[in-house]
Amino acid sequence: MTEQLPKEMLQPITQLEALIRATPEAERAQLQGDLHRLCERLEREGYAIPDRLRELDAMLTDGQVESQFDNLPV
């Protein structure tokens, strides 16, 4: 069973989310690792990961994968 996030976790999550959204797309990959680790920590500790964080993590991960393929010769 997953638990709701405690209030003390909400502020760091909100801050990281705002930082990612305020960062230019080209530089967001640097923050993806922080977000992914945060999601893993929440899951490991039994908390429900908010959908918006899962979606943001997936978006950043997809962006990194796509950027790797952009440099492949055809």
PDB file of N, CA and C in Angstrom:
ATOM      1  N   MET A   1       0.848  -1.186   0.000  1.00  0.00           N
ATOM      2  CA  MET A   1       0.000   0.000   0.000  1.00  0.00           C
ATOM      3  C   MET A   1       0.889   1.244   0.000  1.00  0.00           C
ATOM      4  N   THR A   2       0.531   2.230  -0.794  1.00  0.00           N
ATOM      5  CA  THR A   2       1.320   3.450  -0.840  1.00  0.00           C
ATOM      6  C   THR A   2       0.691   4.509   0.043  1.00  0.00           C
ATOM      7  N   GLU A   3       1.564   5.314   0.614  1.00  0.00           N
ATOM      8  CA  GLU A   3       1.117   6.386   1.501  1.00  0.00           C
ATOM      9  C   GLU A   3       1.143   7.711   0.753  1.00  0.00           C
ATOM     10  N   GLN A   4       0.339   8.645   1.226  1.00  0.00           N
ATOM     11  CA  GLN A   4       0.372   9.994   0.681  1.00  0.00           C
ATOM     12  C   GLN A   4       1.664  10.667   1.127  1.00  0.00           C
ATOM     13  N   LEU A   5       2.121  11.603   0.328  1.00  0.00           N
ATOM     14  CA  LEU A   5       3.360  12.304   0.651  1.00  0.00           C
ATOM     15  C   LEU A   5       3.201  13.129   1.918  1.00  0.00           C
ATOM     16  N   PRO A   6       4.208  13.084   2.794  1.00  0.00           N
ATOM     17  CA  PRO A   6       4.157  13.946   3.977  1.00  0.00           C
ATOM     18  C   PRO A   6       4.409  15.399   3.564  1.00  0.00           C
ATOM     19  N   LYS A   7       3.897  16.315   4.343  1.00  0.00           N
ATOM     20  CA  LYS A   7       4.016  17.734   4.019  1.00  0.00           C
ATOM     21  C   LYS A   7       5.464  18.187   3.867  1.00  0.00           C
ATOM     22  N   GLU A   8       6.380  17.615   4.661  1.00  0.00           N
ATOM     23  CA  GLU A   8       7.782  18.042   4.576  1.00  0.00           C
ATOM     24  C   GLU A   8       8.439  17.627   3.260  1.00  0.00           C
ATOM     25  N   MET A   9       7.824  16.702   2.532  1.00  0.00           N
ATOM     26  CA  MET A   9       8.353  16.291   1.229  1.00  0.00           C
ATOM     27  C   MET A   9       7.809  17.158   0.101  1.00  0.00           C
ATOM     28  N   LEU A  10       6.702  17.823   0.335  1.00  0.00           N
ATOM     29  CA  LEU A  10       6.060  18.589  -0.726  1.00  0.00           C
ATOM     30  C   LEU A  10       6.900  19.771  -1.194  1.00  0.00           C
ATOM     31  N   GLN A  11       7.535  20.477  -0.277  1.00  0.00           N
ATOM     32  CA  GLN A  11       8.301  21.657  -0.664  1.00  0.00           C
ATOM     33  C   GLN A  11       9.489  21.310  -1.557  1.00  0.00           C
ATOM     34  N   PRO A  12      10.342  20.329  -1.201  1.00  0.00           N
ATOM     35  CA  PRO A  12      11.449  20.003  -2.102  1.00  0.00           C
ATOM     36  C   PRO A  12      10.974  19.508  -3.475  1.00  0.00           C
ATOM     37  N   ILE A  13       9.870  18.776  -3.487  1.00  0.00           N
ATOM     38  CA  ILE A  13       9.324  18.289  -4.756  1.00  0.00           C
ATOM     39  C   ILE A  13       8.855  19.462  -5.604  1.00  0.00           C
ATOM     40  N   THR A  14       8.117  20.365  -4.996  1.00  0.00           N
ATOM     41  CA  THR A  14       7.605  21.531  -5.710  1.00  0.00           C
ATOM     42  C   THR A  14       8.741  22.399  -6.225  1.00  0.00           C
ATOM     43  N   GLN A  15       9.785  22.568  -5.409  1.00  0.00           N
ATOM     44  CA  GLN A  15      10.931  23.378  -5.826  1.00  0.00           C
ATOM     45  C   GLN A  15      11.652  22.753  -7.015  1.00  0.00           C
ATOM     46  N   LEU A  16      11.896  21.447  -6.965  1.00  0.00           N
ATOM     47  CA  LEU A  16      12.578  20.778  -8.069  1.00  0.00           C
ATOM     48  C   LEU A  16      11.731  20.830  -9.334  1.00  0.00           C
ATOM     49  N   GLU A  17      10.455  20.608  -9.180  1.00  0.00           N
ATOM     50  CA  GLU A  17       9.544  20.660 -10.326  1.00  0.00           C
ATOM     51  C   GLU A  17       9.553  22.051 -10.964  1.00  0.00           C
ATOM     52  N   ALA A  18       9.500  23.089 -10.159  1.00  0.00           N
ATOM     53  CA  ALA A  18       9.518  24.463 -10.670  1.00  0.00           C
ATOM     54  C   ALA A  18      10.853  24.772 -11.342  1.00  0.00           C
ATOM     55  N   LEU A  19      11.940  24.297 -10.751  1.00  0.00           N
ATOM     56  CA  LEU A  19      13.266  24.523 -11.327  1.00  0.00           C
ATOM     57  C   LEU A  19      13.370  23.865 -12.700  1.00  0.00           C
ATOM     58  N   ILE A  20      12.888  22.648 -12.811  1.00  0.00           N
ATOM     59  CA  ILE A  20      12.933  21.942 -14.097  1.00  0.00           C
ATOM     60  C   ILE A  20      12.117  22.691 -15.140  1.00  0.00           C
ATOM     61  N   ARG A  21      10.931  23.109 -14.778  1.00  0.00           N
ATOM     62  CA  ARG A  21      10.066  23.802 -15.740  1.00  0.00           C
ATOM     63  C   ARG A  21      10.629  25.170 -16.129  1.00  0.00           C
ATOM     64  N   ALA A  22      11.394  25.803 -15.236  1.00  0.00           N
ATOM     65  CA  ALA A  22      11.966  27.119 -15.522  1.00  0.00           C
ATOM     66  C   ALA A  22      13.279  27.022 -16.299  1.00  0.00           C
ATOM     67  N   THR A  23      13.864  25.839 -16.333  1.00  0.00           N
ATOM     68  CA  THR A  23      15.144  25.639 -17.002  1.00  0.00           C
ATOM     69  C   THR A  23      14.913  25.438 -18.498  1.00  0.00           C
ATOM     70  N   PRO A  24      15.751  26.064 -19.335  1.00  0.00           N
ATOM     71  CA  PRO A  24      15.609  25.848 -20.780  1.00  0.00           C
ATOM     72  C   PRO A  24      15.705  24.357 -21.122  1.00  0.00           C
ATOM     73  N   GLU A  25      14.971  23.940 -22.139  1.00  0.00           N
ATOM     74  CA  GLU A  25      14.906  22.520 -22.498  1.00  0.00           C
ATOM     75  C   GLU A  25      16.280  21.899 -22.681  1.00  0.00           C
ATOM     76  N   ALA A  26      17.189  22.621 -23.298  1.00  0.00           N
ATOM     77  CA  ALA A  26      18.523  22.079 -23.572  1.00  0.00           C
ATOM     78  C   ALA A  26      19.294  21.755 -22.295  1.00  0.00           C
ATOM     79  N   GLU A  27      18.927  22.364 -21.190  1.00  0.00           N
ATOM     80  CA  GLU A  27      19.655  22.165 -19.937  1.00  0.00           C
ATOM     81  C   GLU A  27      18.899  21.282 -18.939  1.00  0.00           C
ATOM     82  N   ARG A  28      17.704  20.877 -19.268  1.00  0.00           N
ATOM     83  CA  ARG A  28      16.879  20.095 -18.336  1.00  0.00           C
ATOM     84  C   ARG A  28      17.453  18.714 -18.046  1.00  0.00           C
ATOM     85  N   ALA A  29      18.203  18.159 -18.981  1.00  0.00           N
ATOM     86  CA  ALA A  29      18.756  16.812 -18.792  1.00  0.00           C
ATOM     87  C   ALA A  29      19.615  16.743 -17.537  1.00  0.00           C
ATOM     88  N   GLN A  30      20.246  17.849 -17.185  1.00  0.00           N
ATOM     89  CA  GLN A  30      21.086  17.880 -15.988  1.00  0.00           C
ATOM     90  C   GLN A  30      20.251  17.658 -14.726  1.00  0.00           C
ATOM     91  N   LEU A  31      18.994  18.026 -14.751  1.00  0.00           N
ATOM     92  CA  LEU A  31      18.119  17.903 -13.582  1.00  0.00           C
ATOM     93  C   LEU A  31      17.324  16.601 -13.575  1.00  0.00           C
ATOM     94  N   GLN A  32      17.318  15.897 -14.697  1.00  0.00           N
ATOM     95  CA  GLN A  32      16.534  14.666 -14.792  1.00  0.00           C
ATOM     96  C   GLN A  32      16.995  13.639 -13.779  1.00  0.00           C
ATOM     97  N   GLY A  33      18.302  13.532 -13.564  1.00  0.00           N
ATOM     98  CA  GLY A  33      18.823  12.572 -12.594  1.00  0.00           C
ATOM     99  C   GLY A  33      18.305  12.855 -11.194  1.00  0.00           C
ATOM    100  N   ASP A  34      18.253  14.127 -10.826  1.00  0.00           N
ATOM    101  CA  ASP A  34      17.735  14.501  -9.504  1.00  0.00           C
ATOM    102  C   ASP A  34      16.268  14.086  -9.362  1.00  0.00           C
ATOM    103  N   LEU A  35      15.498  14.351 -10.403  1.00  0.00           N
ATOM    104  CA  LEU A  35      14.077  14.004 -10.366  1.00  0.00           C
ATOM    105  C   LEU A  35      13.893  12.490 -10.306  1.00  0.00           C
ATOM    106  N   HIS A  36      14.666  11.771 -11.106  1.00  0.00           N
ATOM    107  CA  HIS A  36      14.535  10.312 -11.126  1.00  0.00           C
ATOM    108  C   HIS A  36      14.900   9.706  -9.768  1.00  0.00           C
ATOM    109  N   ARG A  37      15.973  10.204  -9.172  1.00  0.00           N
ATOM    110  CA  ARG A  37      16.370   9.711  -7.844  1.00  0.00           C
ATOM    111  C   ARG A  37      15.294  10.015  -6.804  1.00  0.00           C
ATOM    112  N   LEU A  38      14.691  11.183  -6.895  1.00  0.00           N
ATOM    113  CA  LEU A  38      13.617  11.547  -5.971  1.00  0.00           C
ATOM    114  C   LEU A  38      12.426  10.594  -6.129  1.00  0.00           C
ATOM    115  N   CYS A  39      12.043  10.300  -7.357  1.00  0.00           N
ATOM    116  CA  CYS A  39      10.934   9.368  -7.596  1.00  0.00           C
ATOM    117  C   CYS A  39      11.269   7.982  -7.058  1.00  0.00           C
ATOM    118  N   GLU A  40      12.497   7.531  -7.288  1.00  0.00           N
ATOM    119  CA  GLU A  40      12.905   6.215  -6.777  1.00  0.00           C
ATOM    120  C   GLU A  40      12.874   6.185  -5.254  1.00  0.00           C
ATOM    121  N   ARG A  41      13.334   7.266  -4.631  1.00  0.00           N
ATOM    122  CA  ARG A  41      13.331   7.338  -3.163  1.00  0.00           C
ATOM    123  C   ARG A  41      11.910   7.277  -2.610  1.00  0.00           C
ATOM    124  N   LEU A  42      11.025   8.049  -3.219  1.00  0.00           N
ATOM    125  CA  LEU A  42       9.630   8.048  -2.773  1.00  0.00           C
ATOM    126  C   LEU A  42       9.032   6.651  -2.888  1.00  0.00           C
ATOM    127  N   GLU A  43       9.280   6.002  -4.005  1.00  0.00           N
ATOM    128  CA  GLU A  43       8.740   4.661  -4.217  1.00  0.00           C
ATOM    129  C   GLU A  43       9.328   3.668  -3.215  1.00  0.00           C
ATOM    130  N   ARG A  44      10.626   3.756  -2.999  1.00  0.00           N
ATOM    131  CA  ARG A  44      11.309   2.865  -2.053  1.00  0.00           C
ATOM    132  C   ARG A  44      10.759   3.020  -0.637  1.00  0.00           C
ATOM    133  N   GLU A  45      10.406   4.264  -0.280  1.00  0.00           N
ATOM    134  CA  GLU A  45       9.889   4.542   1.061  1.00  0.00           C
ATOM    135  C   GLU A  45       8.379   4.305   1.163  1.00  0.00           C
ATOM    136  N   GLY A  46       7.767   3.852   0.066  1.00  0.00           N
ATOM    137  CA  GLY A  46       6.357   3.478   0.108  1.00  0.00           C
ATOM    138  C   GLY A  46       5.369   4.598  -0.161  1.00  0.00           C
ATOM    139  N   TYR A  47       5.848   5.716  -0.700  1.00  0.00           N
ATOM    140  CA  TYR A  47       4.944   6.835  -0.983  1.00  0.00           C
ATOM    141  C   TYR A  47       4.424   6.764  -2.412  1.00  0.00           C
ATOM    142  N   ALA A  48       3.244   7.282  -2.607  1.00  0.00           N
ATOM    143  CA  ALA A  48       2.672   7.388  -3.948  1.00  0.00           C
ATOM    144  C   ALA A  48       3.379   8.521  -4.683  1.00  0.00           C
ATOM    145  N   ILE A  49       3.864   8.228  -5.868  1.00  0.00           N
ATOM    146  CA  ILE A  49       4.525   9.258  -6.671  1.00  0.00           C
ATOM    147  C   ILE A  49       3.440   9.994  -7.453  1.00  0.00           C
ATOM    148  N   PRO A  50       3.370  11.313  -7.297  1.00  0.00           N
ATOM    149  CA  PRO A  50       2.349  12.067  -8.032  1.00  0.00           C
ATOM    150  C   PRO A  50       2.491  11.851  -9.546  1.00  0.00           C
ATOM    151  N   ASP A  51       1.367  11.738 -10.226  1.00  0.00           N
ATOM    152  CA  ASP A  51       1.380  11.518 -11.672  1.00  0.00           C
ATOM    153  C   ASP A  51       2.191  12.578 -12.399  1.00  0.00           C
ATOM    154  N   ARG A  52       2.093  13.823 -11.959  1.00  0.00           N
ATOM    155  CA  ARG A  52       2.814  14.895 -12.656  1.00  0.00           C
ATOM    156  C   ARG A  52       4.323  14.682 -12.588  1.00  0.00           C
ATOM    157  N   LEU A  53       4.823  14.088 -11.483  1.00  0.00           N
ATOM    158  CA  LEU A  53       6.254  13.801 -11.385  1.00  0.00           C
ATOM    159  C   LEU A  53       6.629  12.638 -12.288  1.00  0.00           C
ATOM    160  N   ARG A  54       5.791  11.619 -12.335  1.00  0.00           N
ATOM    161  CA  ARG A  54       6.046  10.486 -13.243  1.00  0.00           C
ATOM    162  C   ARG A  54       6.084  10.970 -14.693  1.00  0.00           C
ATOM    163  N   GLU A  55       5.144  11.818 -15.051  1.00  0.00           N
ATOM    164  CA  GLU A  55       5.078  12.333 -16.420  1.00  0.00           C
ATOM    165  C   GLU A  55       6.280  13.210 -16.740  1.00  0.00           C
ATOM    166  N   LEU A  56       6.678  14.047 -15.807  1.00  0.00           N
ATOM    167  CA  LEU A  56       7.837  14.906 -16.011  1.00  0.00           C
ATOM    168  C   LEU A  56       9.105  14.066 -16.137  1.00  0.00           C
ATOM    169  N   ASP A  57       9.253  13.052 -15.303  1.00  0.00           N
ATOM    170  CA  ASP A  57      10.406  12.154 -15.370  1.00  0.00           C
ATOM    171  C   ASP A  57      10.436  11.432 -16.717  1.00  0.00           C
ATOM    172  N   ALA A  58       9.283  10.931 -17.154  1.00  0.00           N
ATOM    173  CA  ALA A  58       9.213  10.232 -18.444  1.00  0.00           C
ATOM    174  C   ALA A  58       9.545  11.178 -19.597  1.00  0.00           C
ATOM    175  N   MET A  59       9.049  12.408 -19.538  1.00  0.00           N
ATOM    176  CA  MET A  59       9.320  13.379 -20.587  1.00  0.00           C
ATOM    177  C   MET A  59      10.818  13.671 -20.684  1.00  0.00           C
ATOM    178  N   LEU A  60      11.461  13.872 -19.539  1.00  0.00           N
ATOM    179  CA  LEU A  60      12.890  14.167 -19.538  1.00  0.00           C
ATOM    180  C   LEU A  60      13.707  12.959 -19.986  1.00  0.00           C
ATOM    181  N   THR A  61      13.299  11.772 -19.575  1.00  0.00           N
ATOM    182  CA  THR A  61      13.998  10.557 -19.989  1.00  0.00           C
ATOM    183  C   THR A  61      13.867  10.375 -21.499  1.00  0.00           C
ATOM    184  N   ASP A  62      12.671  10.561 -22.033  1.00  0.00           N
ATOM    185  CA  ASP A  62      12.463  10.449 -23.480  1.00  0.00           C
ATOM    186  C   ASP A  62      13.316  11.467 -24.230  1.00  0.00           C
ATOM    187  N   GLY A  63      13.405  12.671 -23.695  1.00  0.00           N
ATOM    188  CA  GLY A  63      14.220  13.708 -24.319  1.00  0.00           C
ATOM    189  C   GLY A  63      15.684  13.326 -24.375  1.00  0.00           C
ATOM    190  N   GLN A  64      16.179  12.695 -23.319  1.00  0.00           N
ATOM    191  CA  GLN A  64      17.571  12.261 -23.305  1.00  0.00           C
ATOM    192  C   GLN A  64      17.806  11.153 -24.320  1.00  0.00           C
ATOM    193  N   VAL A  65      16.901  10.215 -24.403  1.00  0.00           N
ATOM    194  CA  VAL A  65      17.037   9.111 -25.359  1.00  0.00           C
ATOM    195  C   VAL A  65      17.013   9.656 -26.782  1.00  0.00           C
ATOM    196  N   GLU A  66      16.087  10.555 -27.068  1.00  0.00           N
ATOM    197  CA  GLU A  66      16.001  11.141 -28.405  1.00  0.00           C
ATOM    198  C   GLU A  66      17.265  11.904 -28.759  1.00  0.00           C
ATOM    199  N   SER A  67      17.827  12.629 -27.808  1.00  0.00           N
ATOM    200  CA  SER A  67      19.037  13.401 -28.100  1.00  0.00           C
ATOM    201  C   SER A  67      20.218  12.491 -28.411  1.00  0.00           C
ATOM    202  N   GLN A  68      20.248  11.293 -27.841  1.00  0.00           N
ATOM    203  CA  GLN A  68      21.314  10.346 -28.157  1.00  0.00           C
ATOM    204  C   GLN A  68      21.193   9.874 -29.604  1.00  0.00           C
ATOM    205  N   PHE A  69      19.975   9.675 -30.075  1.00  0.00           N
ATOM    206  CA  PHE A  69      19.774   9.216 -31.441  1.00  0.00           C
ATOM    207  C   PHE A  69      19.954  10.335 -32.460  1.00  0.00           C
ATOM    208  N   ASP A  70      19.842  11.584 -32.038  1.00  0.00           N
ATOM    209  CA  ASP A  70      20.036  12.706 -32.954  1.00  0.00           C
ATOM    210  C   ASP A  70      21.452  12.731 -33.504  1.00  0.00           C
ATOM    211  N   ASN A  71      22.398  12.185 -32.774  1.00  0.00           N
ATOM    212  CA  ASN A  71      23.800  12.242 -33.178  1.00  0.00           C
ATOM    213  C   ASN A  71      24.269  10.992 -33.917  1.00  0.00           C
ATOM    214  N   LEU A  72      23.380  10.049 -34.165  1.00  0.00           N
ATOM    215  CA  LEU A  72      23.755   8.832 -34.878  1.00  0.00           C
ATOM    216  C   LEU A  72      23.757   9.083 -36.381  1.00  0.00           C
ATOM    217  N   PRO A  73      24.791   8.585 -37.063  1.00  0.00           N
ATOM    218  CA  PRO A  73      24.783   8.722 -38.529  1.00  0.00           C
ATOM    219  C   PRO A  73      23.727   7.811 -39.144  1.00  0.00           C
ATOM    220  N   VAL A  74      23.191   8.251 -40.249  1.00  0.00           N
ATOM    221  CA  VAL A  74      22.143   7.471 -40.916  1.00  0.00           C
ATOM    222  C   VAL A  74      22.737   6.638 -42.022  1.00  0.00           C
TER     223      VAL A  74
END
